Structure formats: C-alpha cells, structure tokens
C-alpha cells in the first residue's frame, strides 16, 4: 500500500515554491490540451498516434481508445500512403501535434539559479522520477503529485 500522508517537505522556500509552480503549470497545460482535443473531436477530428514502430514497420492507433486503425511496412512512405488513403478528408491529427495554444508565460524561477531551475525541470520530466520522490521533496500527497504529473 502506498503511503499517501502529507509530510513536511524535504525542501522549503524558493526551491519548493518553484517545483510547486512547475507542477501546477503542468496540470494546467494538460487540462488546456485536453480541452483542445475535446473541441477538435467535437469538430469532427480524430486524434491518432502513430509512426514507425520497428525498422520500416509502422502503425496508426486511435489516441482515445487505443484501437489499432492500420499497421504496415514501407517506412514513412508506406505510413503516409495509408494515412492519405484512410483519411481522405484530412481529419486526423497526431496527438503530438495538437497545439496547446499556450500563451502563458514561463514559470519564473524567482530566486532560484537558472542552472538549478533547469535541473529541477528535467528531474520532474524524467520518467524514472517517482511521484513518491516528488511528494517527499515538496510535502504533497503522492496522489496530488500524480494528478499534476500524469500524461494526457
């Protein structure tokens, strides 16, 4: 069982505030992106994931359902040909290409040296940085950290 209690933060002050601001920004960006995706879907677009999987093999899946739409060989050319054939109305958008229309200013590392701020951003972005570690550092619950960091 995961310990979900909130403990005293390992780091306090400006570093803690900066990490918290990055976490809040991550959640806000993800929520805006999801709103954008929902609007695109209402407008008749399909959000897909796809590309090269191994060598010249490729696949296209529905981002929301995970449904396999197409799979084949032929590298980028084979992928493009299949996408053109299966999406003649140009209504597919790669998930990674959904713009966020993000006009928010960057989180400023007030009082935190730029080099440390860069390292903290990288640390939060690493897949192997456990939510438990982040929770320990900022003093949040693991659930709250997970909610702010999860991909979407």
Protein backbone atom coordinates (compact mmCIF):
# COMPACT_ATOMS: atom_id res chain seq x y z
CA UNK A 1 0.00 0.00 0.00
CA UNK A 2 1.29 3.44 -0.87
CA UNK A 3 1.75 5.90 1.95
CA UNK A 4 -0.40 8.89 0.96
CA UNK A 5 0.14 11.03 4.01
CA UNK A 6 1.49 14.50 3.57
CA UNK A 7 4.75 15.01 5.38
CA UNK A 8 6.87 18.06 5.99
CA UNK A 9 8.65 18.96 2.75
CA UNK A 10 12.26 17.99 2.32
CA UNK A 11 12.97 21.35 0.68
CA UNK A 12 11.27 24.62 1.61
CA UNK A 13 11.48 28.19 0.43
CA UNK A 14 12.03 29.28 -3.14
CA UNK A 15 13.06 25.88 -4.48
CA UNK A 16 9.91 24.28 -3.11
CA UNK A 17 7.78 27.13 -4.47
CA UNK A 18 9.38 26.76 -7.89
CA UNK A 19 8.75 23.00 -8.01
CA UNK A 20 5.14 23.55 -6.93
CA UNK A 21 4.70 26.19 -9.63
CA UNK A 22 6.07 23.77 -12.24
CA UNK A 23 3.65 21.08 -11.06
CA UNK A 24 0.69 23.48 -11.17
CA UNK A 25 1.72 24.64 -14.65
CA UNK A 26 1.99 21.03 -15.85
CA UNK A 27 -1.57 20.29 -14.71
CA UNK A 28 -2.94 23.50 -16.24
CA UNK A 29 -1.19 22.78 -19.57
CA UNK A 30 -2.55 19.23 -19.64
CA UNK A 31 -6.10 20.38 -18.87
CA UNK A 32 -5.93 23.02 -21.63
CA UNK A 33 -4.61 20.40 -24.05
CA UNK A 34 -7.46 18.02 -23.16
CA UNK A 35 -9.98 20.83 -23.72
CA UNK A 36 -8.40 21.49 -27.13
CA UNK A 37 -8.63 17.78 -28.01
CA UNK A 38 -12.28 17.64 -26.94
CA UNK A 39 -13.05 20.63 -29.15
CA UNK A 40 -11.23 19.10 -32.10
CA UNK A 41 -13.18 15.87 -31.63
CA UNK A 42 -16.46 17.82 -31.49
CA UNK A 43 -15.40 19.45 -34.76
CA UNK A 44 -15.04 16.02 -36.36
CA UNK A 45 -11.32 15.40 -36.00
CA UNK A 46 -9.83 12.12 -34.83
CA UNK A 47 -6.77 12.22 -32.62
CA UNK A 48 -4.33 9.48 -33.53
CA UNK A 49 -0.96 8.19 -32.53
CA UNK A 50 1.32 6.55 -34.99
CA UNK A 51 4.57 6.26 -36.78
CA UNK A 52 7.48 3.92 -37.10
CA UNK A 53 7.44 1.02 -34.66
CA UNK A 54 10.43 -1.06 -35.76
CA UNK A 55 12.54 -0.80 -38.88
CA UNK A 56 10.20 0.09 -41.71
CA UNK A 57 7.10 -1.12 -39.82
CA UNK A 58 4.51 1.42 -38.74
CA UNK A 59 1.11 1.61 -37.12
CA UNK A 60 -1.71 4.08 -36.56
CA UNK A 61 -3.92 3.92 -33.45
CA UNK A 62 -6.80 5.96 -32.11
CA UNK A 63 -5.41 8.08 -29.26
CA UNK A 64 -8.56 7.99 -27.16
CA UNK A 65 -9.49 4.30 -27.48
CA UNK A 66 -6.18 2.66 -28.36
CA UNK A 67 -7.92 0.96 -31.31
CA UNK A 68 -5.47 -0.20 -33.97
CA UNK A 69 -6.51 1.55 -37.18
CA UNK A 70 -3.77 0.34 -39.51
CA UNK A 71 -0.41 -1.39 -39.46
CA UNK A 72 2.03 -1.99 -42.26
CA UNK A 73 5.51 -1.78 -43.72
CA UNK A 74 7.15 0.61 -46.12
CA UNK A 75 8.62 3.17 -43.78
CA UNK A 76 7.47 6.76 -43.85
CA UNK A 77 6.20 6.44 -47.40
CA UNK A 78 4.01 3.45 -46.54
CA UNK A 79 2.70 5.26 -43.47
CA UNK A 80 1.90 8.42 -45.45
CA UNK A 81 0.17 6.46 -48.21
CA UNK A 82 -2.00 4.59 -45.71
CA UNK A 83 -2.85 7.78 -43.81
CA UNK A 84 -3.82 9.56 -47.05
CA UNK A 85 -5.97 6.61 -48.13
CA UNK A 86 -7.66 6.13 -44.74
CA UNK A 87 -8.09 9.83 -44.00
CA UNK A 88 -9.06 11.40 -47.34
CA UNK A 89 -10.77 14.35 -45.62
CA UNK A 90 -7.63 15.20 -43.63
CA UNK A 91 -9.45 14.87 -40.29
CA UNK A 92 -6.72 13.04 -38.38
CA UNK A 93 -4.36 14.89 -36.10
CA UNK A 94 -1.36 13.28 -34.46
CA UNK A 95 -1.64 13.61 -30.69
CA UNK A 96 1.85 15.08 -30.50
CA UNK A 97 0.77 17.79 -32.98
CA UNK A 98 -2.24 19.03 -31.04
CA UNK A 99 -1.21 22.55 -30.25
CA UNK A 100 -1.82 23.82 -26.79
CA UNK A 101 -2.35 27.46 -27.79
CA UNK A 102 -0.20 28.01 -24.75
CA UNK A 103 0.23 31.72 -24.31
CA UNK A 104 1.13 31.56 -20.65
CA UNK A 105 4.42 32.94 -19.59
CA UNK A 106 7.09 30.53 -18.47
CA UNK A 107 7.33 29.74 -14.77
CA UNK A 108 9.96 32.13 -13.47
CA UNK A 109 12.46 30.63 -11.04
CA UNK A 110 12.37 33.63 -8.70
CA UNK A 111 15.43 33.40 -6.51
CA UNK A 112 16.46 30.00 -7.90
CA UNK A 113 19.64 29.93 -10.01
CA UNK A 114 18.89 29.19 -13.67
CA UNK A 115 21.09 26.10 -13.71
CA UNK A 116 19.24 24.62 -10.72
CA UNK A 117 15.88 25.59 -12.24
CA UNK A 118 16.83 23.77 -15.45
CA UNK A 119 17.84 20.70 -13.47
CA UNK A 120 14.60 20.73 -11.49
CA UNK A 121 12.56 20.91 -14.72
CA UNK A 122 14.48 17.95 -16.13
CA UNK A 123 14.09 15.99 -12.88
CA UNK A 124 10.32 16.49 -12.92
CA UNK A 125 10.18 15.40 -16.56
CA UNK A 126 12.15 12.18 -16.18
CA UNK A 127 10.02 9.06 -16.38
CA UNK A 128 12.12 7.45 -13.64
CA UNK A 129 11.48 10.26 -11.15
CA UNK A 130 8.93 8.64 -8.87
CA UNK A 131 5.90 10.60 -7.74
CA UNK A 132 6.81 9.48 -4.23
CA UNK A 133 10.15 11.27 -4.54
CA UNK A 134 8.49 14.48 -5.70
CA UNK A 135 5.93 14.22 -2.89
CA UNK A 136 8.74 13.85 -0.38
CA UNK A 137 10.52 16.92 -1.71
CA UNK A 138 7.51 19.27 -1.78
CA UNK A 139 5.45 17.77 1.05
CA UNK A 140 2.39 16.95 -1.08
CA UNK A 141 0.47 13.69 -1.12
CA UNK A 142 1.55 11.15 -3.73
CA UNK A 143 -1.95 11.35 -5.28
CA UNK A 144 -1.69 15.11 -5.70
CA UNK A 145 1.73 14.85 -7.32
CA UNK A 146 0.47 12.08 -9.63
CA UNK A 147 -2.51 14.21 -10.67
CA UNK A 148 -0.19 17.06 -11.59
CA UNK A 149 2.38 14.93 -13.42
CA UNK A 150 0.33 12.34 -15.31
CA UNK A 151 0.46 12.39 -19.08
CA UNK A 152 -2.60 13.21 -21.10
